[in-house]
Structure formats: structure tokens, C-alpha cells
Amino acid sequence: MRILFLGSSDFAIPTFRSILEDGHEIVAAVTQPDKARGRGKKTTPTPVKAHAEKAEVPVITPADINASDVVAEIKSYEAELAYVAAFGQKIGRELLDAFPVGIVNLHASLLPALRGAGPIQRAVINGDRETGVTVFRLVEKMDAGPILVQRHTEIHTGETAEELHDRLARIGCDAVRATIELLTADPTTPGEPQDSTMVTLAPKLKKEDGHITFDEPVAKLADRICGLWSWPGARCRYRSADGSRDELVTLARAVPYEGKAIPAASPGDLGRVTDMMAVQGVDRELSVLEIKPAGGKLMAWRDFLNGRHVKPGDRFVPVEAE
């Protein structure tokens, strides 16, 4: 099948590869324009552009995909099907009607749950134990089109949103492969309408969503920490009881502590559990597994404890307390 590929982020890369490996032709890749990224503000292409160029696939980088000249260029490739994965622009009516088989979209949730730009992070933050991917026919309303294929997967305890992102991107390959097979057999397959009564939303996270406090149940706090990694990150400050240290840190992975602990004084305080340290919550203790000091590298919790000689009475405090 002749396919127009629309995608920008890393999430789209596994399906880009699998479509080509399955013997289909990607006639062109449409992706976001190059942007200045990083501290040096170096202009870099999207991951999709970089992969498309290596695969010698023509690349289109429109600032507005619905501009008349861009629409004309896209139509000139005469694709049968358009496939969208983490593209980043809304596709207008003229393009929705431009492909004989239509446009399908890979979304990282079990629609109609978690429509929006942040389904992976929100699934972890919400404490969901199951999620998946959905391939649906694209319509003008966001993430609302009829469903063609879904694949389910468990969210593991302590799994970060970053890890789940990568797993869902790989699971998406199977879903997209099944979708193309379905549409090859019957290009007019309508799909199953979504149940509008079951819709939930997953808005994109903001940087300030990474400011955490310790005055909530530990199970919920652990899910929040895992769901915020790797962006924006669950940020707080580590303060030693003797006043020698006060630094910004990001908690990257955590789970509820399952053993019997020596209670600390108040939420955020560090207390001893066996030979380690745990963070006091409102109902139990939190086991931090990975942490990233500001300006430093991600490290195991034990390395952080040893490197800073953490003692009972040291504590984490909210960033807002600065």
C-alpha cells in the first residue's frame, strides 16, 4: 500500500520502521519543522525527519499542513492511505477527504479513555493498571473517530511514563500492521464508533505539574512520581537536618514501602527502613528507587543516600516552599 506518514516524535519511529519492513511504500513523511533545542539552541530535525532521510523517504516540513500549497504537494504523492502518529498539527477537512482509504491515527490509550496530548503520563499518574493503543479513523473532532484496532497492556508497578511510552510505541507496530491488513482486505471498513459516555481527557502536562508535595496517600504519590518522569519530573528540595545541604532534586521512580518502618515525624521526612531510608507520607512510607539531583545524572536511591550521607531527620520539601 502507498502510505503518507505523518509524525514527529520518537513515538512514531517504531511504526515508521515496521511499515517499511512489512513491504509497504512510504511515499513521503510529513513532520514538524526543525526547531532550536537544548541549551545551545541548536537547530535539529524531528526524529521522524532524521529517520526518513536515512531511509531516503521524501520529507515535508510544513509550518501549517493545511496551507493550500502544502495540501497540493501532499496530494501529488497520490497515497492511498495516510497514517498519523504523534504529528503535532490538526489536519483539516481538505486533507481528511484526500485519500482513497482515509487517514488513520495511532493513539496511546484505549479510546475513548484519555483523549488528548498526554495519555501515557496521565494513565500512570491516575494509577490505571491497564492501558494500550488504539488505531482509529481520523475525524475533525480530537481523538473521536471510529476504532479500527486496539491492543491492551498492563501498567507495571513502578513503571515510569517514559518506559510505558517506549513499550506502547512498540505495541503500536502490531496494531498498525493489523490495521493495514484490515484496510487492504476492505478499504471501506468503517470501524466501531466510540462510546461518548465513556470519554475521559488527558491534557498535556505543564512544567508546574512537576511540583510535588507529600501530603497525599503514598500510592497516589508513587504513581505521580512515575508518571511525571522524564518530563516535567517530580521536583522537590532535599534539605539536610544540619543545614549543610539544600538542593533541587527530581524523584524519578518510587513505589509504596511494603515493610514495617520506623515512623518519621511528618510528611516529607526521611526515616529509616531496614538498612535504607524512606520518605514519610500521610498514610505510610514511600520507597524512592531513582533520583536525579539538579545538574546531575539519574542515580539509584542508595547512591544518593551514600553520596550525601543522608540521615533520619533530613527531609524533602515542596519547591513552592522556596
Protein backbone atom coordinates (compact mmCIF):
# COMPACT_ATOMS: atom_id res chain seq x y z
CA MET A 1 0.00 0.00 0.00
CA ARG A 2 1.15 3.56 -0.74
CA ILE A 3 1.18 5.39 2.59
CA LEU A 4 1.74 9.01 3.58
CA PHE A 5 3.35 9.07 7.03
CA LEU A 6 2.64 11.99 9.39
CA GLY A 7 4.63 12.02 12.62
CA SER A 8 7.23 13.96 14.56
CA SER A 9 8.31 12.46 17.88
CA ASP A 10 10.14 9.28 18.90
CA PHE A 11 6.80 7.59 19.48
CA ALA A 12 6.29 7.38 15.70
CA ILE A 13 9.65 5.76 14.88
CA PRO A 14 8.86 2.06 15.55
CA THR A 15 5.82 2.14 13.27
CA PHE A 16 7.77 4.05 10.61
CA ARG A 17 10.27 1.19 10.56
CA SER A 18 7.69 -1.59 10.72
CA ILE A 19 5.64 -0.18 7.82
CA LEU A 20 8.71 -0.24 5.61
CA GLU A 21 9.80 -3.67 6.86
CA ASP A 22 6.35 -5.04 6.00
CA GLY A 23 6.90 -4.07 2.38
CA HIS A 24 4.68 -1.02 2.15
CA GLU A 25 5.80 2.18 0.46
CA ILE A 26 6.00 5.37 2.48
CA VAL A 27 5.66 7.88 -0.32
CA ALA A 28 6.55 10.84 1.91
CA ALA A 29 6.94 11.75 5.57
CA VAL A 30 5.26 14.89 6.88
CA THR A 31 6.74 16.23 10.11
CA GLN A 32 7.14 19.40 12.14
CA PRO A 33 9.75 21.98 11.04
CA ASP A 34 13.24 21.88 12.52
CA LYS A 35 13.43 23.60 15.91
CA ALA A 36 16.10 25.04 18.17
CA ARG A 37 16.57 22.55 21.02
CA GLY A 38 18.77 22.14 24.06
CA ARG A 39 20.87 24.62 25.97
CA GLY A 40 22.83 25.58 22.88
CA LYS A 41 19.60 26.15 20.91
CA LYS A 42 20.99 24.12 18.03
CA THR A 43 18.50 23.67 15.19
CA THR A 44 17.70 19.98 14.90
CA PRO A 45 15.20 17.92 12.89
CA THR A 46 12.43 15.84 14.38
CA PRO A 47 13.21 12.15 14.95
CA VAL A 48 10.86 11.28 12.09
CA LYS A 49 12.69 13.58 9.68
CA ALA A 50 16.04 12.10 10.65
CA HIS A 51 14.80 8.54 10.10
CA ALA A 52 13.00 9.39 6.87
CA GLU A 53 16.12 10.95 5.38
CA LYS A 54 18.16 7.85 6.28
CA ALA A 55 15.51 5.71 4.58
CA GLU A 56 15.58 8.04 1.54
CA VAL A 57 11.91 8.91 2.00
CA PRO A 58 10.89 12.41 0.83
CA VAL A 59 10.23 14.79 3.73
CA ILE A 60 7.76 17.68 4.01
CA THR A 61 8.13 20.06 6.99
CA PRO A 62 5.19 22.48 6.85
CA ALA A 63 4.55 25.18 9.42
CA ASP A 64 0.88 24.74 8.51
CA ILE A 65 -0.15 21.42 6.99
CA ASN A 66 -3.45 22.89 5.83
CA ALA A 67 -1.88 25.64 3.70
CA SER A 68 -3.03 25.31 0.09
CA ASP A 69 0.45 24.75 -1.35
CA VAL A 70 1.20 22.07 1.24
CA VAL A 71 -2.09 20.29 0.56
CA ALA A 72 -1.32 20.32 -3.16
CA GLU A 73 2.15 18.87 -2.56
CA ILE A 74 0.77 16.12 -0.33
CA LYS A 75 -1.89 15.21 -2.89
CA SER A 76 0.76 14.97 -5.60
CA TYR A 77 2.19 11.85 -3.93
CA GLU A 78 -1.08 10.00 -4.62
CA ALA A 79 -1.02 7.96 -1.41
CA GLU A 80 -3.83 5.52 -0.80
CA LEU A 81 -3.72 5.84 2.99
CA ALA A 82 -2.41 8.46 5.39
CA TYR A 83 -1.13 7.34 8.79
CA VAL A 84 -0.68 9.72 11.75
CA ALA A 85 1.36 9.13 14.92
CA ALA A 86 2.35 11.97 17.28
CA PHE A 87 2.39 14.52 14.47
CA GLY A 88 1.54 17.73 16.31
CA GLN A 89 -0.78 19.64 13.96
CA LYS A 90 -4.53 19.47 13.41
CA ILE A 91 -5.44 18.10 9.99
CA GLY A 92 -8.19 19.97 8.17
CA ARG A 93 -11.15 18.80 6.11
CA GLU A 94 -9.48 19.03 2.68
CA LEU A 95 -6.81 16.51 3.68
CA LEU A 96 -9.27 14.32 5.57
CA ASP A 97 -11.02 13.77 2.25
CA ALA A 98 -7.86 13.43 0.14
CA PHE A 99 -7.04 9.72 0.49
CA PRO A 100 -8.99 6.82 -1.04
CA VAL A 101 -8.63 4.65 2.09
CA GLY A 102 -8.73 7.58 4.52
CA ILE A 103 -6.49 8.70 7.38
CA VAL A 104 -5.82 6.57 10.47
CA ASN A 105 -4.26 7.69 13.73
CA LEU A 106 -2.32 5.72 16.37
CA HIS A 107 -3.22 6.97 19.87
CA ALA A 108 -1.54 5.82 23.09
CA SER A 109 -4.65 4.92 25.07
CA LEU A 110 -7.70 2.68 24.95
CA LEU A 111 -10.08 5.19 23.45
CA PRO A 112 -12.46 6.72 24.35
CA ALA A 113 -10.39 6.91 27.55
CA LEU A 114 -7.69 9.57 27.77
CA ARG A 115 -8.26 11.65 24.68
CA GLY A 116 -5.69 14.40 24.35
CA ALA A 117 -1.96 15.06 24.23
CA GLY A 118 -0.90 13.39 27.50
CA PRO A 119 -2.46 9.91 27.62
CA ILE A 120 0.66 7.99 28.65
CA GLN A 121 1.61 10.22 31.56
CA ARG A 122 -1.98 10.59 32.72
CA ALA A 123 -2.54 6.83 32.71
CA VAL A 124 0.38 6.35 35.11
CA ILE A 125 -0.49 9.37 37.26
CA ASN A 126 -4.10 8.21 37.51
CA GLY A 127 -2.98 4.84 38.82
CA ASP A 128 -4.52 2.95 35.90
CA ARG A 129 -3.46 -0.68 35.84
CA GLU A 130 -4.19 -1.18 32.15
CA THR A 131 -3.76 0.90 29.02
CA GLY A 132 -2.95 0.25 25.38
CA VAL A 133 -3.04 1.74 21.90
CA THR A 134 -5.88 2.50 19.51
CA VAL A 135 -5.85 2.93 15.75
CA PHE A 136 -8.89 4.91 14.64
CA ARG A 137 -10.14 6.73 11.58
CA LEU A 138 -9.27 10.40 11.86
CA VAL A 139 -12.13 12.89 12.03
CA GLU A 140 -12.21 16.61 12.73
CA LYS A 141 -13.01 16.20 16.44
CA MET A 142 -9.95 15.30 18.53
CA ASP A 143 -9.42 11.55 19.02
CA ALA A 144 -13.11 10.89 18.34
CA GLY A 145 -13.08 8.75 15.18
CA PRO A 146 -14.31 5.16 14.90
CA ILE A 147 -11.96 2.49 16.23
CA LEU A 148 -10.30 0.01 13.89
CA VAL A 149 -7.84 -1.85 16.14
CA GLN A 150 -6.88 -1.84 19.82
CA ARG A 151 -4.14 -3.56 21.78
CA HIS A 152 -4.12 -3.81 25.60
CA THR A 153 -1.23 -3.97 28.07
CA GLU A 154 -0.73 -3.91 31.83
CA ILE A 155 0.96 -0.94 33.51
CA HIS A 156 3.62 -2.41 35.79
CA THR A 157 4.21 -1.28 39.37
CA GLY A 158 7.00 1.29 39.37
CA GLU A 159 6.91 1.70 35.58
CA THR A 160 7.62 5.25 34.51
CA ALA A 161 5.76 7.12 31.80
CA GLU A 162 8.98 7.14 29.77
CA GLU A 163 9.19 3.34 29.89
CA LEU A 164 5.49 2.96 29.10
CA HIS A 165 5.89 5.37 26.18
CA ASP A 166 8.53 3.12 24.63
CA ARG A 167 6.51 -0.05 25.20
CA LEU A 168 3.37 1.43 23.67
CA ALA A 169 5.33 2.66 20.65
CA ARG A 170 6.43 -0.95 20.06
CA ILE A 171 2.95 -2.37 20.70
CA GLY A 172 1.69 0.14 18.15
CA CYS A 173 3.57 -1.74 15.42
CA ASP A 174 1.30 -4.74 15.81
CA ALA A 175 -1.81 -2.55 15.91
CA VAL A 176 -0.81 -0.65 12.77
CA ARG A 177 0.12 -3.85 10.96
CA ALA A 178 -3.32 -5.31 11.76
CA THR A 179 -4.97 -2.08 10.63
CA ILE A 180 -3.23 -2.08 7.25
CA GLU A 181 -4.16 -5.74 6.74
CA LEU A 182 -7.78 -4.91 7.62
CA LEU A 183 -7.89 -1.96 5.20
CA THR A 184 -6.13 -3.88 2.46
CA ALA A 185 -8.86 -6.52 2.65
CA ASP A 186 -11.65 -3.93 2.85
CA PRO A 187 -10.68 -0.26 2.35
CA THR A 188 -14.20 0.85 3.34
CA THR A 189 -14.15 -0.77 6.80
CA PRO A 190 -15.93 1.86 8.91
CA GLY A 191 -14.63 0.98 12.37
CA GLU A 192 -16.52 0.86 15.68
CA PRO A 193 -17.98 4.18 16.93
CA GLN A 194 -16.63 5.35 20.27
CA ASP A 195 -18.95 5.42 23.30
CA SER A 196 -19.23 9.13 24.06
CA THR A 197 -20.40 8.41 27.62
CA MET A 198 -17.02 6.82 28.41
CA VAL A 199 -14.80 9.73 27.29
CA THR A 200 -12.07 10.93 29.64
CA LEU A 201 -9.45 13.58 28.86
CA ALA A 202 -5.67 13.64 29.09
CA PRO A 203 -4.47 17.23 28.71
CA LYS A 204 -0.80 17.89 28.09
CA LEU A 205 1.23 18.36 31.27
CA LYS A 206 2.76 21.72 32.16
CA LYS A 207 6.10 22.32 33.86
CA GLU A 208 4.41 23.34 37.09
CA ASP A 209 2.67 19.97 37.24
CA GLY A 210 6.06 18.63 38.34
CA HIS A 211 5.91 20.44 41.69
CA ILE A 212 5.05 17.70 44.19
CA THR A 213 4.05 17.65 47.83
CA PHE A 214 3.97 14.77 50.30
CA ASP A 215 0.55 15.37 51.84
CA GLU A 216 -1.31 12.76 49.76
CA PRO A 217 -1.67 8.96 50.04
CA VAL A 218 1.61 7.26 49.20
CA ALA A 219 0.14 5.01 46.48
CA LYS A 220 -1.08 8.10 44.67
CA LEU A 221 2.22 9.90 45.23
CA ALA A 222 4.21 6.97 43.80
CA ASP A 223 2.04 6.94 40.67
CA ARG A 224 2.50 10.67 40.28
CA ILE A 225 6.28 10.42 40.54
CA CYS A 226 6.46 7.60 37.97
CA GLY A 227 4.01 9.37 35.66
CA LEU A 228 5.99 12.62 35.69
CA TRP A 229 9.26 11.00 34.57
CA SER A 230 11.01 12.03 32.42
CA TRP A 231 9.17 15.33 31.86
CA PRO A 232 8.38 17.54 33.68
CA GLY A 233 9.74 15.41 36.53
CA ALA A 234 8.58 15.25 40.15
CA ARG A 235 10.60 18.10 41.64
CA CYS A 236 11.17 18.97 45.29
CA ARG A 237 14.07 20.06 47.51
CA TYR A 238 16.31 17.88 49.63
CA ARG A 239 17.23 19.56 52.93
CA SER A 240 19.55 18.05 55.49
CA ALA A 241 18.66 18.47 59.15
CA ASP A 242 22.02 20.08 59.93
CA GLY A 243 21.54 22.74 57.22
CA SER A 244 24.56 21.67 55.17
CA ARG A 245 22.54 20.75 52.09
CA ASP A 246 19.59 22.33 50.32
CA GLU A 247 19.25 21.29 46.69
CA LEU A 248 16.67 20.79 43.99
CA VAL A 249 16.07 17.14 43.09
CA THR A 250 13.76 15.20 40.81
CA LEU A 251 12.27 11.94 42.05
CA ALA A 252 12.22 9.62 39.03
CA ARG A 253 10.80 6.34 40.30
CA ALA A 254 9.06 5.33 43.53
CA VAL A 255 6.77 2.65 44.99
CA PRO A 256 4.93 2.36 48.31
CA TYR A 257 7.11 0.82 51.02
CA GLU A 258 5.74 -2.61 51.88
CA GLY A 259 7.57 -3.36 55.12
CA LYS A 260 7.34 -2.05 58.68
CA ALA A 261 9.05 1.29 59.11
CA ILE A 262 10.09 3.47 61.99
CA PRO A 263 7.64 6.38 61.61
CA ALA A 264 9.14 9.76 60.81
CA ALA A 265 7.72 12.98 62.20
CA SER A 266 5.76 14.43 59.27
CA PRO A 267 5.19 14.01 55.51
CA GLY A 268 8.41 14.55 53.57
CA ASP A 269 10.67 13.48 56.44
CA LEU A 270 13.23 10.76 55.81
CA GLY A 271 13.19 7.83 58.21
CA ARG A 272 14.99 4.52 58.39
CA VAL A 273 13.52 1.30 56.99
CA THR A 274 15.85 -1.69 57.49
CA ASP A 275 19.19 -0.54 56.02
CA MET A 276 17.68 2.08 53.76
CA MET A 277 15.71 5.32 54.06
CA ALA A 278 12.11 6.01 53.08
CA VAL A 279 10.01 9.15 52.80
CA GLN A 280 7.13 9.61 55.21
CA GLY A 281 3.73 10.09 53.57
CA VAL A 282 0.38 10.79 55.15
CA ASP A 283 -0.58 7.11 55.44
CA ARG A 284 2.64 5.07 55.05
CA GLU A 285 6.18 5.31 53.73
CA LEU A 286 7.40 5.88 50.18
CA SER A 287 10.35 3.98 48.74
CA VAL A 288 12.27 6.14 46.30
CA LEU A 289 14.12 3.99 43.75
CA GLU A 290 15.75 6.57 41.47
CA ILE A 291 16.52 10.27 41.85
CA LYS A 292 18.18 12.98 39.79
CA PRO A 293 19.91 15.92 41.52
CA ALA A 294 19.70 19.22 39.65
CA GLY A 295 22.56 19.38 37.17
CA GLY A 296 23.44 15.76 37.85
CA LYS A 297 22.69 12.36 36.40
CA LEU A 298 19.90 9.96 37.22
CA MET A 299 21.10 7.68 40.02
CA ALA A 300 19.97 4.85 42.24
CA TRP A 301 18.48 5.88 45.58
CA ARG A 302 21.22 4.11 47.53
CA ASP A 303 23.89 6.09 45.67
CA PHE A 304 22.12 9.33 46.58
CA LEU A 305 21.92 8.29 50.25
CA ASN A 306 25.57 7.32 50.39
CA GLY A 307 26.85 10.31 48.45
CA ARG A 308 25.09 12.81 50.70
CA HIS A 309 25.30 10.87 53.95
CA VAL A 310 21.54 11.14 54.36
CA LYS A 311 20.34 10.70 57.94
CA PRO A 312 16.97 10.41 59.67
CA GLY A 313 15.61 13.91 60.10
CA ASP A 314 16.64 15.07 56.65
CA ARG A 315 13.61 15.82 54.52
CA PHE A 316 12.08 16.65 51.17
CA VAL A 317 10.11 19.87 50.93
CA PRO A 318 7.97 21.25 48.09
CA VAL A 319 9.56 23.55 45.55
CA GLU A 320 6.87 26.10 46.43
CA ALA A 321 8.43 26.40 49.89
CA GLU A 322 11.44 28.23 48.47
